[in-house]
């Protein structure tokens, strides 16, 4: 079944790359425009309309075009529109999360996290089989046990030492990963014996 499934789905990395470049460009253009022209805003009936809304509209249009029509030029256009919409939304993530602080560092944190996630997806798409083989080899070595214990200890230290929710949540996630690594190592050793 997996073989049939993989034959039907063919990745189109060039469209994903085009959307990613559009996303990054849109983010930086929106950030630069807001930096150089902070008083240029669209106000309708007394309501400040943020470019987040334009991003949502572009995201919906790009997604709709991408799933409704098929053709190289149409798919390129949809990828660009989708990426630009995502960049406009990402630019105002901090504003949305803090209910008013556009310049908060959360926006940059989300952007870096998003780009790291995309880079990992690209690497996994290209080298997925090798990564899985090396990870399986890692789980069979004692290094994985030591790493899991170290990661759990550091995570617990951060959880107990901070009152910042994001750090606690991230550390909690790392603690769960550490426990999974430790359990996988122990289960693999039990299975061998």
N, C-alpha and C. Protein backbone atom coordinates (compact mmCIF):
# COMPACT_ATOMS: atom_id res chain seq x y z
N UNK A 1 0.82 -1.19 0.00
CA UNK A 1 0.00 0.00 0.00
C UNK A 1 0.87 1.26 0.00
N UNK A 2 1.95 1.25 0.80
CA UNK A 2 2.82 2.41 0.86
C UNK A 2 3.45 2.68 -0.50
N UNK A 3 3.75 1.61 -1.24
CA UNK A 3 4.35 1.78 -2.56
C UNK A 3 3.36 2.43 -3.52
N UNK A 4 2.10 2.01 -3.47
CA UNK A 4 1.06 2.60 -4.31
C UNK A 4 0.85 4.06 -3.93
N UNK A 5 0.84 4.33 -2.64
CA UNK A 5 0.64 5.70 -2.15
C UNK A 5 1.77 6.61 -2.61
N UNK A 6 3.01 6.13 -2.56
CA UNK A 6 4.15 6.96 -2.96
C UNK A 6 4.17 7.19 -4.47
N UNK A 7 3.61 6.26 -5.26
CA UNK A 7 3.55 6.45 -6.70
C UNK A 7 2.55 7.54 -7.07
N UNK A 8 1.46 7.65 -6.33
CA UNK A 8 0.43 8.63 -6.63
C UNK A 8 0.84 10.04 -6.24
N UNK A 9 1.61 10.18 -5.16
CA UNK A 9 2.02 11.50 -4.70
C UNK A 9 3.42 11.78 -5.19
N UNK A 10 3.54 12.81 -5.97
CA UNK A 10 4.83 13.22 -6.48
C UNK A 10 5.13 14.61 -5.95
N UNK A 11 6.19 14.75 -5.15
CA UNK A 11 6.50 16.06 -4.61
C UNK A 11 6.87 17.05 -5.71
N UNK A 12 6.44 18.27 -5.53
CA UNK A 12 6.77 19.33 -6.48
C UNK A 12 7.57 20.39 -5.72
N UNK A 13 8.83 20.05 -5.47
CA UNK A 13 9.69 20.88 -4.63
C UNK A 13 9.89 22.27 -5.23
N UNK A 14 9.86 22.40 -6.54
CA UNK A 14 10.08 23.72 -7.15
C UNK A 14 8.95 24.68 -6.78
N UNK A 15 7.71 24.19 -6.65
CA UNK A 15 6.61 25.06 -6.23
C UNK A 15 6.73 25.39 -4.74
N UNK A 16 7.13 24.42 -3.94
CA UNK A 16 7.32 24.67 -2.51
C UNK A 16 8.45 25.68 -2.29
N UNK A 17 9.50 25.57 -3.08
CA UNK A 17 10.61 26.52 -2.97
C UNK A 17 10.16 27.91 -3.39
N UNK A 18 9.38 27.99 -4.44
CA UNK A 18 8.86 29.28 -4.89
C UNK A 18 7.97 29.91 -3.82
N UNK A 19 7.13 29.10 -3.18
CA UNK A 19 6.28 29.61 -2.10
C UNK A 19 7.12 30.07 -0.91
N UNK A 20 8.18 29.33 -0.60
CA UNK A 20 9.05 29.70 0.52
C UNK A 20 9.79 31.01 0.25
N UNK A 21 10.31 31.16 -0.96
CA UNK A 21 11.00 32.41 -1.32
C UNK A 21 10.01 33.57 -1.28
N UNK A 22 8.80 33.37 -1.76
CA UNK A 22 7.77 34.41 -1.70
C UNK A 22 7.42 34.75 -0.26
N UNK A 23 7.34 33.75 0.57
CA UNK A 23 7.04 33.92 1.99
C UNK A 23 8.10 34.80 2.66
N UNK A 24 9.37 34.43 2.48
CA UNK A 24 10.47 35.17 3.12
C UNK A 24 10.53 36.60 2.59
N UNK A 25 10.40 36.76 1.27
CA UNK A 25 10.43 38.09 0.67
C UNK A 25 9.28 38.95 1.20
N UNK A 26 8.10 38.39 1.25
CA UNK A 26 6.93 39.12 1.74
C UNK A 26 7.12 39.55 3.19
N UNK A 27 7.65 38.65 4.00
CA UNK A 27 7.89 38.97 5.41
C UNK A 27 8.83 40.16 5.53
N UNK A 28 9.96 40.11 4.84
CA UNK A 28 10.95 41.17 4.97
C UNK A 28 10.49 42.48 4.33
N UNK A 29 9.75 42.42 3.22
CA UNK A 29 9.22 43.65 2.62
C UNK A 29 8.21 44.30 3.56
N UNK A 30 7.31 43.49 4.14
CA UNK A 30 6.32 44.04 5.08
C UNK A 30 7.00 44.63 6.31
N UNK A 31 8.02 43.96 6.81
CA UNK A 31 8.75 44.45 7.99
C UNK A 31 9.49 45.74 7.66
N UNK A 32 10.12 45.79 6.48
CA UNK A 32 10.85 46.99 6.08
C UNK A 32 9.88 48.16 5.85
N UNK A 33 8.76 47.91 5.19
CA UNK A 33 7.78 48.96 4.94
C UNK A 33 7.27 49.54 6.26
N UNK A 34 6.96 48.67 7.21
CA UNK A 34 6.46 49.12 8.50
C UNK A 34 7.54 49.88 9.28
N UNK A 35 8.78 49.48 9.09
CA UNK A 35 9.88 50.18 9.77
C UNK A 35 10.07 51.58 9.21
N UNK A 36 10.07 51.71 7.87
CA UNK A 36 10.34 53.00 7.24
C UNK A 36 9.11 53.92 7.18
N UNK A 37 7.93 53.33 7.15
CA UNK A 37 6.70 54.12 7.07
C UNK A 37 5.71 53.68 8.15
N UNK A 38 6.04 53.89 9.41
CA UNK A 38 5.19 53.38 10.49
C UNK A 38 3.82 54.05 10.58
N UNK A 39 3.68 55.24 10.01
CA UNK A 39 2.40 55.95 10.10
C UNK A 39 1.50 55.72 8.90
N UNK A 40 1.95 54.92 7.94
CA UNK A 40 1.12 54.61 6.78
C UNK A 40 0.25 53.40 7.11
N UNK A 41 -1.02 53.67 7.34
CA UNK A 41 -1.94 52.60 7.71
C UNK A 41 -3.24 52.77 6.93
N UNK A 42 -3.95 51.68 6.78
CA UNK A 42 -5.25 51.69 6.13
C UNK A 42 -6.31 51.71 7.23
N UNK A 43 -7.11 52.77 7.23
CA UNK A 43 -8.17 52.89 8.23
C UNK A 43 -9.49 52.98 7.49
N UNK A 44 -10.42 52.12 7.86
CA UNK A 44 -11.75 52.13 7.26
C UNK A 44 -12.78 52.23 8.37
N UNK A 45 -13.60 53.23 8.31
CA UNK A 45 -14.64 53.51 9.33
C UNK A 45 -14.08 53.46 10.75
N UNK A 46 -12.89 54.04 10.90
CA UNK A 46 -12.28 54.11 12.22
C UNK A 46 -11.55 52.86 12.66
N UNK A 47 -11.49 51.84 11.82
CA UNK A 47 -10.84 50.58 12.18
C UNK A 47 -9.53 50.45 11.40
N UNK A 48 -8.43 50.21 12.11
CA UNK A 48 -7.12 50.00 11.48
C UNK A 48 -7.09 48.58 10.92
N UNK A 49 -6.98 48.49 9.60
CA UNK A 49 -6.95 47.17 8.95
C UNK A 49 -5.49 46.77 8.78
N UNK A 50 -5.07 45.76 9.51
CA UNK A 50 -3.69 45.27 9.47
C UNK A 50 -3.47 44.42 8.23
N UNK A 51 -2.19 44.33 7.80
CA UNK A 51 -1.90 43.53 6.61
C UNK A 51 -2.04 42.03 6.87
N UNK A 52 -2.27 41.66 8.12
CA UNK A 52 -2.61 40.27 8.45
C UNK A 52 -3.84 39.82 7.65
N UNK A 53 -4.83 40.70 7.53
CA UNK A 53 -6.07 40.34 6.83
C UNK A 53 -5.82 40.14 5.34
N UNK A 54 -4.95 40.97 4.76
CA UNK A 54 -4.60 40.78 3.36
C UNK A 54 -3.87 39.45 3.18
N UNK A 55 -3.05 39.10 4.17
CA UNK A 55 -2.36 37.81 4.13
C UNK A 55 -3.32 36.64 4.15
N UNK A 56 -4.33 36.73 5.00
CA UNK A 56 -5.34 35.66 5.04
C UNK A 56 -6.06 35.52 3.70
N UNK A 57 -6.41 36.66 3.11
CA UNK A 57 -7.10 36.62 1.82
C UNK A 57 -6.19 36.01 0.75
N UNK A 58 -4.93 36.44 0.70
CA UNK A 58 -4.00 35.89 -0.29
C UNK A 58 -3.74 34.40 -0.06
N UNK A 59 -3.65 33.99 1.20
CA UNK A 59 -3.47 32.58 1.52
C UNK A 59 -4.64 31.76 1.00
N UNK A 60 -5.86 32.25 1.22
CA UNK A 60 -7.05 31.55 0.75
C UNK A 60 -7.10 31.50 -0.77
N UNK A 61 -6.78 32.62 -1.42
CA UNK A 61 -6.81 32.65 -2.89
C UNK A 61 -5.75 31.72 -3.47
N UNK A 62 -4.53 31.79 -2.95
CA UNK A 62 -3.46 30.92 -3.45
C UNK A 62 -3.78 29.44 -3.24
N UNK A 63 -4.31 29.10 -2.07
CA UNK A 63 -4.69 27.71 -1.80
C UNK A 63 -5.81 27.25 -2.72
N UNK A 64 -6.79 28.11 -2.91
CA UNK A 64 -7.93 27.75 -3.77
C UNK A 64 -7.48 27.54 -5.21
N UNK A 65 -6.66 28.45 -5.72
CA UNK A 65 -6.16 28.31 -7.09
C UNK A 65 -5.33 27.03 -7.21
N UNK A 66 -4.51 26.77 -6.20
CA UNK A 66 -3.64 25.59 -6.24
C UNK A 66 -4.38 24.27 -6.26
N UNK A 67 -5.53 24.21 -5.59
CA UNK A 67 -6.28 22.94 -5.58
C UNK A 67 -7.36 22.88 -6.66
N UNK A 68 -7.70 24.02 -7.25
CA UNK A 68 -8.79 24.04 -8.23
C UNK A 68 -8.31 23.90 -9.67
N UNK A 69 -7.11 24.35 -9.95
CA UNK A 69 -6.61 24.36 -11.33
C UNK A 69 -5.29 23.62 -11.42
N UNK A 70 -5.01 23.10 -12.60
CA UNK A 70 -3.76 22.40 -12.81
C UNK A 70 -3.07 22.96 -14.04
N UNK A 71 -1.84 23.28 -13.88
CA UNK A 71 -1.04 23.84 -14.96
C UNK A 71 0.20 24.45 -14.34
N UNK A 72 1.30 24.40 -15.05
CA UNK A 72 2.56 24.86 -14.49
C UNK A 72 2.49 26.34 -14.13
N UNK A 73 2.02 27.17 -15.05
CA UNK A 73 1.95 28.61 -14.78
C UNK A 73 0.96 28.92 -13.66
N UNK A 74 -0.15 28.24 -13.65
CA UNK A 74 -1.16 28.45 -12.60
C UNK A 74 -0.61 28.03 -11.25
N UNK A 75 0.09 26.91 -11.21
CA UNK A 75 0.67 26.45 -9.95
C UNK A 75 1.75 27.39 -9.45
N UNK A 76 2.54 27.96 -10.36
CA UNK A 76 3.54 28.95 -9.96
C UNK A 76 2.87 30.17 -9.34
N UNK A 77 1.83 30.65 -10.02
CA UNK A 77 1.10 31.82 -9.53
C UNK A 77 0.50 31.53 -8.15
N UNK A 78 -0.10 30.35 -8.00
CA UNK A 78 -0.71 29.97 -6.72
C UNK A 78 0.35 29.88 -5.62
N UNK A 79 1.52 29.34 -5.94
CA UNK A 79 2.59 29.22 -4.95
C UNK A 79 3.07 30.59 -4.50
N UNK A 80 3.20 31.52 -5.45
CA UNK A 80 3.65 32.88 -5.10
C UNK A 80 2.61 33.57 -4.23
N UNK A 81 1.35 33.52 -4.63
CA UNK A 81 0.27 34.17 -3.86
C UNK A 81 0.20 33.57 -2.46
N UNK A 82 0.30 32.25 -2.37
CA UNK A 82 0.25 31.57 -1.08
C UNK A 82 1.42 31.99 -0.19
N UNK A 83 2.61 32.04 -0.75
CA UNK A 83 3.78 32.45 0.02
C UNK A 83 3.70 33.88 0.49
N UNK A 84 3.25 34.79 -0.38
CA UNK A 84 3.11 36.20 0.01
C UNK A 84 2.10 36.33 1.15
N UNK A 85 0.99 35.63 1.05
CA UNK A 85 -0.01 35.68 2.12
C UNK A 85 0.54 35.18 3.44
N UNK A 86 1.29 34.09 3.39
CA UNK A 86 1.89 33.55 4.62
C UNK A 86 2.90 34.52 5.23
N UNK A 87 3.67 35.20 4.39
CA UNK A 87 4.65 36.18 4.88
C UNK A 87 3.97 37.36 5.56
N UNK A 88 2.86 37.84 5.00
CA UNK A 88 2.12 38.94 5.62
C UNK A 88 1.55 38.54 6.97
N UNK A 89 1.09 37.30 7.07
CA UNK A 89 0.58 36.82 8.36
C UNK A 89 1.70 36.67 9.36
N UNK A 90 2.83 36.09 8.94
CA UNK A 90 3.95 35.87 9.85
C UNK A 90 4.49 37.20 10.37
N UNK A 91 4.43 38.25 9.55
CA UNK A 91 4.93 39.54 9.98
C UNK A 91 4.16 40.08 11.18
N UNK A 92 2.91 39.72 11.32
CA UNK A 92 2.11 40.24 12.42
C UNK A 92 1.81 39.20 13.50
N UNK A 93 2.56 38.12 13.54
CA UNK A 93 2.36 37.11 14.58
C UNK A 93 2.54 37.71 15.97
N UNK A 94 3.58 38.49 16.16
CA UNK A 94 3.82 39.12 17.46
C UNK A 94 2.68 40.02 17.86
N UNK A 95 2.17 40.79 16.91
CA UNK A 95 1.03 41.68 17.17
C UNK A 95 -0.19 40.88 17.60
N UNK A 96 -0.41 39.76 16.93
CA UNK A 96 -1.58 38.93 17.24
C UNK A 96 -1.44 38.23 18.60
N UNK A 97 -0.24 37.80 18.93
CA UNK A 97 -0.04 37.08 20.19
C UNK A 97 0.01 38.00 21.41
N UNK A 98 0.45 39.23 21.21
CA UNK A 98 0.55 40.14 22.35
C UNK A 98 -0.59 41.14 22.38
N UNK A 99 -1.49 41.06 21.42
CA UNK A 99 -2.63 41.98 21.32
C UNK A 99 -2.19 43.43 21.27
N UNK A 100 -1.20 43.74 20.44
CA UNK A 100 -0.88 45.13 20.24
C UNK A 100 0.58 45.50 20.10
N UNK A 101 1.54 44.63 20.43
CA UNK A 101 2.95 44.98 20.34
C UNK A 101 3.53 44.41 19.05
N UNK A 102 3.54 45.24 17.99
CA UNK A 102 4.04 44.79 16.69
C UNK A 102 5.53 44.46 16.74
N UNK A 103 6.30 45.15 17.56
CA UNK A 103 7.75 45.02 17.57
C UNK A 103 8.27 43.96 18.53
N UNK A 104 7.41 43.15 19.08
CA UNK A 104 7.86 42.12 20.02
C UNK A 104 8.80 41.13 19.34
N UNK A 105 9.70 40.56 20.12
CA UNK A 105 10.66 39.59 19.60
C UNK A 105 10.04 38.26 19.23
N UNK A 106 8.80 38.04 19.63
CA UNK A 106 8.13 36.77 19.33
C UNK A 106 8.04 36.55 17.82
N UNK A 107 7.83 37.64 17.08
CA UNK A 107 7.73 37.52 15.62
C UNK A 107 9.00 36.92 15.04
N UNK A 108 10.15 37.42 15.47
CA UNK A 108 11.42 36.90 14.95
C UNK A 108 11.65 35.46 15.41
N UNK A 109 11.23 35.16 16.64
CA UNK A 109 11.36 33.78 17.13
C UNK A 109 10.53 32.83 16.28
N UNK A 110 9.30 33.21 15.97
CA UNK A 110 8.45 32.38 15.12
C UNK A 110 9.05 32.23 13.72
N UNK A 111 9.58 33.31 13.19
CA UNK A 111 10.15 33.27 11.84
C UNK A 111 11.35 32.32 11.79
N UNK A 112 12.23 32.43 12.76
CA UNK A 112 13.40 31.55 12.81
C UNK A 112 12.96 30.10 13.00
N UNK A 113 12.01 29.88 13.89
CA UNK A 113 11.49 28.52 14.10
C UNK A 113 10.86 27.95 12.86
N UNK A 114 10.09 28.77 12.16
CA UNK A 114 9.44 28.32 10.93
C UNK A 114 10.48 27.95 9.86
N UNK A 115 11.48 28.82 9.69
CA UNK A 115 12.51 28.54 8.69
C UNK A 115 13.33 27.30 9.04
N UNK A 116 13.58 27.11 10.33
CA UNK A 116 14.29 25.89 10.76
C UNK A 116 13.45 24.65 10.45
N UNK A 117 12.15 24.74 10.71
CA UNK A 117 11.24 23.62 10.43
C UNK A 117 11.23 23.30 8.93
N UNK A 118 11.16 24.32 8.09
CA UNK A 118 11.16 24.12 6.63
C UNK A 118 12.49 23.51 6.18
N UNK A 119 13.59 24.00 6.75
CA UNK A 119 14.90 23.44 6.38
C UNK A 119 14.98 21.96 6.75
N UNK A 120 14.44 21.61 7.90
CA UNK A 120 14.43 20.20 8.31
C UNK A 120 13.57 19.37 7.35
N UNK A 121 12.43 19.92 6.94
CA UNK A 121 11.58 19.20 5.98
C UNK A 121 12.32 18.97 4.66
N UNK A 122 13.01 19.99 4.17
CA UNK A 122 13.77 19.83 2.93
C UNK A 122 14.86 18.77 3.08
N UNK A 123 15.57 18.82 4.19
CA UNK A 123 16.63 17.83 4.42
C UNK A 123 16.06 16.43 4.55
N UNK A 124 14.95 16.32 5.27
CA UNK A 124 14.35 14.99 5.45
C UNK A 124 13.80 14.47 4.13
N UNK A 125 13.27 15.35 3.30
CA UNK A 125 12.77 14.93 2.00
C UNK A 125 13.91 14.38 1.14
N UNK A 126 15.06 15.02 1.22
CA UNK A 126 16.20 14.60 0.38
C UNK A 126 16.95 13.40 0.97
N UNK A 127 17.13 13.39 2.30
CA UNK A 127 17.97 12.37 2.94
C UNK A 127 17.21 11.56 3.98
N UNK A 128 15.92 11.42 3.81
CA UNK A 128 15.06 10.76 4.81
C UNK A 128 15.49 9.35 5.17
N UNK A 129 15.79 8.54 4.18
CA UNK A 129 16.17 7.16 4.45
C UNK A 129 17.47 7.08 5.24
N UNK A 130 18.44 7.88 4.86
CA UNK A 130 19.72 7.91 5.58
C UNK A 130 19.53 8.39 7.01
N UNK A 131 18.71 9.42 7.19
CA UNK A 131 18.44 9.95 8.54
C UNK A 131 17.81 8.88 9.41
N UNK A 132 16.83 8.16 8.87
CA UNK A 132 16.17 7.11 9.66
C UNK A 132 17.13 5.98 10.02
N UNK A 133 17.99 5.61 9.09
CA UNK A 133 18.97 4.56 9.38
C UNK A 133 19.95 5.00 10.47
N UNK A 134 20.41 6.24 10.36
CA UNK A 134 21.35 6.74 11.37
C UNK A 134 20.66 6.91 12.72
N UNK A 135 19.40 7.31 12.73
CA UNK A 135 18.67 7.44 13.99
C UNK A 135 18.46 6.07 14.64
N UNK A 136 18.16 5.05 13.83
CA UNK A 136 18.01 3.70 14.38
C UNK A 136 19.33 3.21 14.96
N UNK A 137 20.44 3.53 14.30
CA UNK A 137 21.75 3.17 14.81
C UNK A 137 22.05 3.92 16.11
N UNK A 138 21.65 5.19 16.17
CA UNK A 138 21.84 6.00 17.37
C UNK A 138 21.10 5.39 18.57
N UNK A 139 19.87 4.92 18.34
CA UNK A 139 19.07 4.36 19.44
C UNK A 139 19.66 3.07 19.99
N UNK A 140 20.48 2.38 19.24
CA UNK A 140 21.08 1.14 19.72
C UNK A 140 22.36 1.37 20.52
N UNK A 141 22.88 2.59 20.52
CA UNK A 141 24.12 2.86 21.23
C UNK A 141 23.83 3.45 22.61
N UNK A 142 24.82 3.31 23.50
CA UNK A 142 24.68 3.87 24.84
C UNK A 142 24.64 5.40 24.82
N UNK A 143 25.14 5.98 23.76
CA UNK A 143 25.12 7.44 23.64
C UNK A 143 23.69 7.96 23.70
N UNK A 144 22.75 7.21 23.12
CA UNK A 144 21.35 7.65 23.16
C UNK A 144 20.82 7.68 24.59
N UNK A 145 21.21 6.71 25.41
CA UNK A 145 20.79 6.70 26.81
C UNK A 145 21.38 7.90 27.54
N UNK A 146 22.66 8.15 27.35
CA UNK A 146 23.30 9.30 28.00
C UNK A 146 22.68 10.62 27.53
N UNK A 147 22.43 10.70 26.23
CA UNK A 147 21.83 11.91 25.68
C UNK A 147 20.42 12.12 26.24
N UNK A 148 19.64 11.04 26.32
CA UNK A 148 18.28 11.14 26.87
C UNK A 148 18.28 11.60 28.32
N UNK A 149 19.17 11.05 29.13
CA UNK A 149 19.26 11.45 30.54
C UNK A 149 19.70 12.91 30.65
N UNK A 150 20.69 13.30 29.85
CA UNK A 150 21.16 14.68 29.87
C UNK A 150 20.05 15.64 29.46
N UNK A 151 19.33 15.31 28.38
CA UNK A 151 18.25 16.16 27.89
C UNK A 151 17.13 16.27 28.91
N UNK A 152 16.80 15.16 29.58
CA UNK A 152 15.77 15.19 30.61
C UNK A 152 16.19 16.07 31.78
N UNK A 153 17.44 15.96 32.20
CA UNK A 153 17.92 16.76 33.34
C UNK A 153 17.90 18.25 33.01
N UNK A 154 18.38 18.61 31.84
CA UNK A 154 18.40 20.02 31.43
C UNK A 154 16.97 20.55 31.32
N UNK A 155 16.08 19.77 30.73
CA UNK A 155 14.69 20.20 30.56
C UNK A 155 14.02 20.42 31.91
N UNK A 156 14.22 19.50 32.82
CA UNK A 156 13.62 19.64 34.16
C UNK A 156 14.19 20.85 34.88
N UNK A 157 15.49 21.12 34.69
CA UNK A 157 16.10 22.30 35.31
C UNK A 157 15.46 23.58 34.77
N UNK A 158 15.22 23.63 33.48
CA UNK A 158 14.58 24.82 32.91
C UNK A 158 13.14 24.96 33.38
N UNK A 159 12.42 23.85 33.46
CA UNK A 159 11.02 23.90 33.89
C UNK A 159 10.91 24.41 35.32
N UNK A 160 11.79 23.94 36.19
CA UNK A 160 11.71 24.34 37.60
C UNK A 160 12.27 25.74 37.84
N UNK A 161 13.08 26.26 36.92
CA UNK A 161 13.76 27.52 37.17
C UNK A 161 13.09 28.73 36.52
N UNK A 162 12.07 28.54 35.69
CA UNK A 162 11.49 29.68 34.98
C UNK A 162 9.99 29.78 35.19
N UNK A 163 9.51 30.98 35.03
CA UNK A 163 8.06 31.22 35.06
C UNK A 163 7.53 31.60 33.69
N UNK A 164 8.40 31.59 32.69
CA UNK A 164 8.01 31.96 31.34
C UNK A 164 7.36 30.75 30.66
N UNK A 165 6.13 30.95 30.20
CA UNK A 165 5.34 29.83 29.67
C UNK A 165 6.01 29.18 28.46
N UNK A 166 6.49 29.99 27.49
CA UNK A 166 7.08 29.40 26.28
C UNK A 166 8.30 28.54 26.59
N UNK A 167 9.13 29.01 27.52
CA UNK A 167 10.31 28.22 27.88
C UNK A 167 9.89 26.94 28.59
N UNK A 168 8.90 27.04 29.47
CA UNK A 168 8.41 25.85 30.17
C UNK A 168 7.79 24.85 29.19
N UNK A 169 7.01 25.35 28.23
CA UNK A 169 6.37 24.47 27.25
C UNK A 169 7.41 23.79 26.37
N UNK A 170 8.39 24.55 25.90
CA UNK A 170 9.45 23.98 25.07
C UNK A 170 10.26 22.96 25.86
N UNK A 171 10.58 23.29 27.10
CA UNK A 171 11.34 22.36 27.95
C UNK A 171 10.53 21.11 28.25
N UNK A 172 9.23 21.27 28.43
CA UNK A 172 8.36 20.10 28.63
C UNK A 172 8.37 19.19 27.42
N UNK A 173 8.34 19.79 26.23
CA UNK A 173 8.41 19.00 24.99
C UNK A 173 9.74 18.26 24.88
N UNK A 174 10.83 18.93 25.24
CA UNK A 174 12.14 18.27 25.22
C UNK A 174 12.22 17.15 26.25
N UNK A 175 11.58 17.34 27.41
CA UNK A 175 11.56 16.28 28.43
C UNK A 175 10.82 15.05 27.91
N UNK A 176 9.73 15.27 27.18
CA UNK A 176 8.98 14.15 26.59
C UNK A 176 9.85 13.43 25.56
N UNK A 177 10.56 14.19 24.73
CA UNK A 177 11.46 13.58 23.74
C UNK A 177 12.53 12.76 24.46
N UNK A 178 13.08 13.31 25.55
CA UNK A 178 14.12 12.59 26.31
C UNK A 178 13.58 11.27 26.85
N UNK A 179 12.38 11.29 27.40
CA UNK A 179 11.79 10.05 27.94
C UNK A 179 11.57 9.04 26.82
N UNK A 180 11.13 9.49 25.66
CA UNK A 180 10.93 8.59 24.52
C UNK A 180 12.26 7.96 24.10
N UNK A 181 13.32 8.75 24.06
CA UNK A 181 14.65 8.22 23.69
C UNK A 181 15.10 7.17 24.70
N UNK A 182 14.92 7.46 25.98
CA UNK A 182 15.32 6.51 27.03
C UNK A 182 14.51 5.23 26.93
N UNK A 183 13.20 5.35 26.75
CA UNK A 183 12.33 4.16 26.63
C UNK A 183 12.69 3.35 25.39
N UNK A 184 12.98 4.04 24.27
CA UNK A 184 13.35 3.32 23.04
C UNK A 184 14.65 2.55 23.24
N UNK A 185 15.61 3.15 23.93
CA UNK A 185 16.87 2.45 24.19
C UNK A 185 16.64 1.22 25.06
N UNK A 186 15.86 1.38 26.15
CA UNK A 186 15.59 0.27 27.06
C UNK A 186 14.81 -0.83 26.34
N UNK A 187 13.80 -0.45 25.55
CA UNK A 187 13.01 -1.44 24.82
C UNK A 187 13.87 -2.21 23.82
N UNK A 188 14.78 -1.51 23.16
CA UNK A 188 15.67 -2.17 22.21
C UNK A 188 16.59 -3.15 22.93
N UNK A 189 17.10 -2.80 24.12
CA UNK A 189 17.97 -3.71 24.89
C UNK A 189 17.18 -4.92 25.37
N UNK A 190 15.94 -4.70 25.81
CA UNK A 190 15.11 -5.83 26.26
C UNK A 190 14.82 -6.77 25.11
N UNK A 191 14.55 -6.22 23.95
CA UNK A 191 14.24 -7.02 22.77
C UNK A 191 15.43 -7.88 22.36
N UNK A 192 16.65 -7.37 22.52
CA UNK A 192 17.86 -8.12 22.18
C UNK A 192 18.05 -9.33 23.10
N UNK A 193 17.69 -9.14 24.38
CA UNK A 193 17.88 -10.23 25.34
C UNK A 193 16.62 -11.02 25.41
